[in-house]
Amino acid sequence: MKLLEGEQVGSNVIIDESNVKEAYAVTDVDGTYAIGLTLDSEGSNTIAQTTETQLGKRLAIFLDGELVCSPEIKARIGGGRILIPAHFTRQEAEHMAAGIKAAKEATAAKNRSGNH
């Protein structure tokens, strides 16, 4: 999972799976499913700062290397929680949330083995 400033590849990655404390499937307001994320303090601060300074611009959200959505930043996102509303089915949202968790665990394991 990558959140980038701007829609082009090569844009600045502002947060990734290492900043995710929790990922889960959630029902969106239109009855489809979305992915909810709870961020660590670093990710929370980064997304708040970015969304505050980049109002009106787009934030590209990639999952499994695919652009899922690119919403316009309409307000500062504070509180460390993000909703990725890409109109998933329940199965798709659960699969994506599980993939984010697995990527986070793999990144953490790689970092631990690299530090020894």
C-alpha atoms as a PDB file:
ATOM      1  CA  MET A   1       0.000   0.000   0.000  1.00  0.00           C
ATOM      2  CA  LYS A   2       1.341   3.401  -0.946  1.00  0.00           C
ATOM      3  CA  LEU A   3      -0.181   6.843  -0.629  1.00  0.00           C
ATOM      4  CA  LEU A   4       1.492   9.323  -2.911  1.00  0.00           C
ATOM      5  CA  GLU A   5       1.296  13.042  -3.403  1.00  0.00           C
ATOM      6  CA  GLY A   6       0.103  13.417  -6.965  1.00  0.00           C
ATOM      7  CA  GLU A   7      -1.003  10.741  -9.368  1.00  0.00           C
ATOM      8  CA  GLN A   8       2.200  10.068 -11.262  1.00  0.00           C
ATOM      9  CA  VAL A   9       4.577   7.242 -10.553  1.00  0.00           C
ATOM     10  CA  GLY A  10       7.654   8.756  -9.010  1.00  0.00           C
ATOM     11  CA  SER A  11       5.647  11.081  -6.800  1.00  0.00           C
ATOM     12  CA  ASN A  12       6.570  11.273  -3.149  1.00  0.00           C
ATOM     13  CA  VAL A  13       5.430   8.297  -1.095  1.00  0.00           C
ATOM     14  CA  ILE A  14       4.009   9.826   2.050  1.00  0.00           C
ATOM     15  CA  ILE A  15       2.959   6.676   3.907  1.00  0.00           C
ATOM     16  CA  ASP A  16       3.103   2.944   3.256  1.00  0.00           C
ATOM     17  CA  GLU A  17       2.187  -0.302   4.988  1.00  0.00           C
ATOM     18  CA  SER A  18       4.820   0.262   7.682  1.00  0.00           C
ATOM     19  CA  ASN A  19       2.694   3.177   8.967  1.00  0.00           C
ATOM     20  CA  VAL A  20      -0.452   1.052   9.320  1.00  0.00           C
ATOM     21  CA  LYS A  21      -1.389  -0.185  12.780  1.00  0.00           C
ATOM     22  CA  GLU A  22      -4.635  -1.787  11.643  1.00  0.00           C
ATOM     23  CA  ALA A  23      -6.353  -2.507   8.302  1.00  0.00           C
ATOM     24  CA  TYR A  24      -9.932  -3.739   8.036  1.00  0.00           C
ATOM     25  CA  ALA A  25     -12.918  -3.969   5.699  1.00  0.00           C
ATOM     26  CA  VAL A  26     -15.796  -1.627   6.487  1.00  0.00           C
ATOM     27  CA  THR A  27     -19.177  -0.902   4.925  1.00  0.00           C
ATOM     28  CA  ASP A  28     -19.212   2.460   3.163  1.00  0.00           C
ATOM     29  CA  VAL A  29     -22.194   4.835   3.152  1.00  0.00           C
ATOM     30  CA  ASP A  30     -23.420   3.522  -0.214  1.00  0.00           C
ATOM     31  CA  GLY A  31     -23.462  -0.119   0.926  1.00  0.00           C
ATOM     32  CA  THR A  32     -20.243  -1.097  -0.835  1.00  0.00           C
ATOM     33  CA  TYR A  33     -17.104  -1.920   1.100  1.00  0.00           C
ATOM     34  CA  ALA A  34     -14.083   0.229   1.791  1.00  0.00           C
ATOM     35  CA  ILE A  35     -10.792  -0.312   3.573  1.00  0.00           C
ATOM     36  CA  GLY A  36     -10.300   1.386   6.899  1.00  0.00           C
ATOM     37  CA  LEU A  37      -6.811   2.125   8.176  1.00  0.00           C
ATOM     38  CA  THR A  38      -5.546   3.162  11.578  1.00  0.00           C
ATOM     39  CA  LEU A  39      -2.118   4.757  11.318  1.00  0.00           C
ATOM     40  CA  ASP A  40       0.816   4.919  13.697  1.00  0.00           C
ATOM     41  CA  SER A  41       1.850   8.338  15.036  1.00  0.00           C
ATOM     42  CA  GLU A  42       4.336   8.946  12.198  1.00  0.00           C
ATOM     43  CA  GLY A  43       1.774   8.089   9.510  1.00  0.00           C
ATOM     44  CA  SER A  44      -0.922  10.073  11.286  1.00  0.00           C
ATOM     45  CA  ASN A  45       1.275  13.174  11.486  1.00  0.00           C
ATOM     46  CA  THR A  46       2.414  12.804   7.877  1.00  0.00           C
ATOM     47  CA  ILE A  47      -1.089  12.410   6.431  1.00  0.00           C
ATOM     48  CA  ALA A  48      -2.398  15.317   8.537  1.00  0.00           C
ATOM     49  CA  GLN A  49       0.434  17.589   7.449  1.00  0.00           C
ATOM     50  CA  THR A  50       0.184  16.572   3.785  1.00  0.00           C
ATOM     51  CA  THR A  51      -3.579  16.937   3.556  1.00  0.00           C
ATOM     52  CA  GLU A  52      -3.430  20.315   5.298  1.00  0.00           C
ATOM     53  CA  THR A  53      -0.866  21.718   2.871  1.00  0.00           C
ATOM     54  CA  GLN A  54      -2.133  20.059  -0.319  1.00  0.00           C
ATOM     55  CA  LEU A  55      -5.833  21.009  -0.323  1.00  0.00           C
ATOM     56  CA  GLY A  56      -7.349  20.759  -3.796  1.00  0.00           C
ATOM     57  CA  LYS A  57      -4.684  18.354  -5.040  1.00  0.00           C
ATOM     58  CA  ARG A  58      -5.047  14.605  -5.513  1.00  0.00           C
ATOM     59  CA  LEU A  59      -3.750  11.809  -3.341  1.00  0.00           C
ATOM     60  CA  ALA A  60      -3.020   8.590  -5.233  1.00  0.00           C
ATOM     61  CA  ILE A  61      -3.725   5.385  -3.314  1.00  0.00           C
ATOM     62  CA  PHE A  62      -2.063   2.202  -4.549  1.00  0.00           C
ATOM     63  CA  LEU A  63      -2.810  -1.304  -3.272  1.00  0.00           C
ATOM     64  CA  ASP A  64      -0.935  -4.305  -4.645  1.00  0.00           C
ATOM     65  CA  GLY A  65       0.722  -2.001  -7.174  1.00  0.00           C
ATOM     66  CA  GLU A  66      -2.621  -0.915  -8.655  1.00  0.00           C
ATOM     67  CA  LEU A  67      -4.062   2.582  -8.459  1.00  0.00           C
ATOM     68  CA  VAL A  68      -7.235   2.110  -6.406  1.00  0.00           C
ATOM     69  CA  CYS A  69      -8.428   5.689  -6.275  1.00  0.00           C
ATOM     70  CA  SER A  70      -7.158   9.222  -6.456  1.00  0.00           C
ATOM     71  CA  PRO A  71      -9.427  11.417  -4.363  1.00  0.00           C
ATOM     72  CA  GLU A  72      -9.181  15.169  -4.203  1.00  0.00           C
ATOM     73  CA  ILE A  73      -7.956  16.390  -0.832  1.00  0.00           C
ATOM     74  CA  LYS A  74     -10.882  18.425   0.482  1.00  0.00           C
ATOM     75  CA  ALA A  75      -9.909  18.694   4.136  1.00  0.00           C
ATOM     76  CA  ARG A  76      -7.138  17.887   6.583  1.00  0.00           C
ATOM     77  CA  ILE A  77      -7.227  14.225   7.646  1.00  0.00           C
ATOM     78  CA  GLY A  78      -6.501  14.111  11.352  1.00  0.00           C
ATOM     79  CA  GLY A  79      -6.929  11.491  14.014  1.00  0.00           C
ATOM     80  CA  GLY A  80      -4.895   8.782  12.320  1.00  0.00           C
ATOM     81  CA  ARG A  81      -7.803   7.076  10.557  1.00  0.00           C
ATOM     82  CA  ILE A  82      -8.280   6.817   6.792  1.00  0.00           C
ATOM     83  CA  LEU A  83     -11.084   5.334   4.722  1.00  0.00           C
ATOM     84  CA  ILE A  84     -10.251   4.141   1.204  1.00  0.00           C
ATOM     85  CA  PRO A  85     -13.644   4.222  -0.542  1.00  0.00           C
ATOM     86  CA  ALA A  86     -13.098   2.339  -3.774  1.00  0.00           C
ATOM     87  CA  HIS A  87     -16.448   0.532  -3.949  1.00  0.00           C
ATOM     88  CA  PHE A  88     -15.077  -2.918  -3.170  1.00  0.00           C
ATOM     89  CA  THR A  89     -17.074  -6.076  -2.636  1.00  0.00           C
ATOM     90  CA  ARG A  90     -16.766  -7.494   0.866  1.00  0.00           C
ATOM     91  CA  GLN A  91     -14.371 -10.174  -0.380  1.00  0.00           C
ATOM     92  CA  GLU A  92     -12.180  -7.630  -2.198  1.00  0.00           C
ATOM     93  CA  ALA A  93     -12.003  -5.325   0.831  1.00  0.00           C
ATOM     94  CA  GLU A  94     -11.146  -8.190   3.183  1.00  0.00           C
ATOM     95  CA  HIS A  95      -8.509  -9.466   0.740  1.00  0.00           C
ATOM     96  CA  MET A  96      -6.930  -6.006   0.407  1.00  0.00           C
ATOM     97  CA  ALA A  97      -6.936  -5.453   4.184  1.00  0.00           C
ATOM     98  CA  ALA A  98      -5.289  -8.855   4.694  1.00  0.00           C
ATOM     99  CA  GLY A  99      -2.716  -7.977   2.025  1.00  0.00           C
ATOM    100  CA  ILE A 100      -1.849  -4.715   3.782  1.00  0.00           C
ATOM    101  CA  LYS A 101      -1.409  -6.585   7.077  1.00  0.00           C
ATOM    102  CA  ALA A 102       0.793  -9.231   5.403  1.00  0.00           C
ATOM    103  CA  ALA A 103       2.929  -6.553   3.712  1.00  0.00           C
ATOM    104  CA  LYS A 104       3.345  -4.769   7.043  1.00  0.00           C
ATOM    105  CA  GLU A 105       4.444  -8.009   8.737  1.00  0.00           C
ATOM    106  CA  ALA A 106       6.872  -8.821   5.901  1.00  0.00           C
ATOM    107  CA  THR A 107       8.371  -5.318   6.057  1.00  0.00           C
ATOM    108  CA  ALA A 108       8.720  -5.550   9.852  1.00  0.00           C
ATOM    109  CA  ALA A 109      10.374  -8.992   9.611  1.00  0.00           C
ATOM    110  CA  LYS A 110      12.770  -7.748   6.933  1.00  0.00           C
ATOM    111  CA  ASN A 111      13.677  -4.722   9.066  1.00  0.00           C
ATOM    112  CA  ARG A 112      14.275  -6.937  12.121  1.00  0.00           C
ATOM    113  CA  SER A 113      16.532  -9.346  10.196  1.00  0.00           C
ATOM    114  CA  GLY A 114      18.442  -6.441   8.652  1.00  0.00           C
ATOM    115  CA  ASN A 115      19.151  -4.957  12.074  1.00  0.00           C
ATOM    116  CA  HIS A 116      20.944  -8.012  13.450  1.00  0.00           C
END
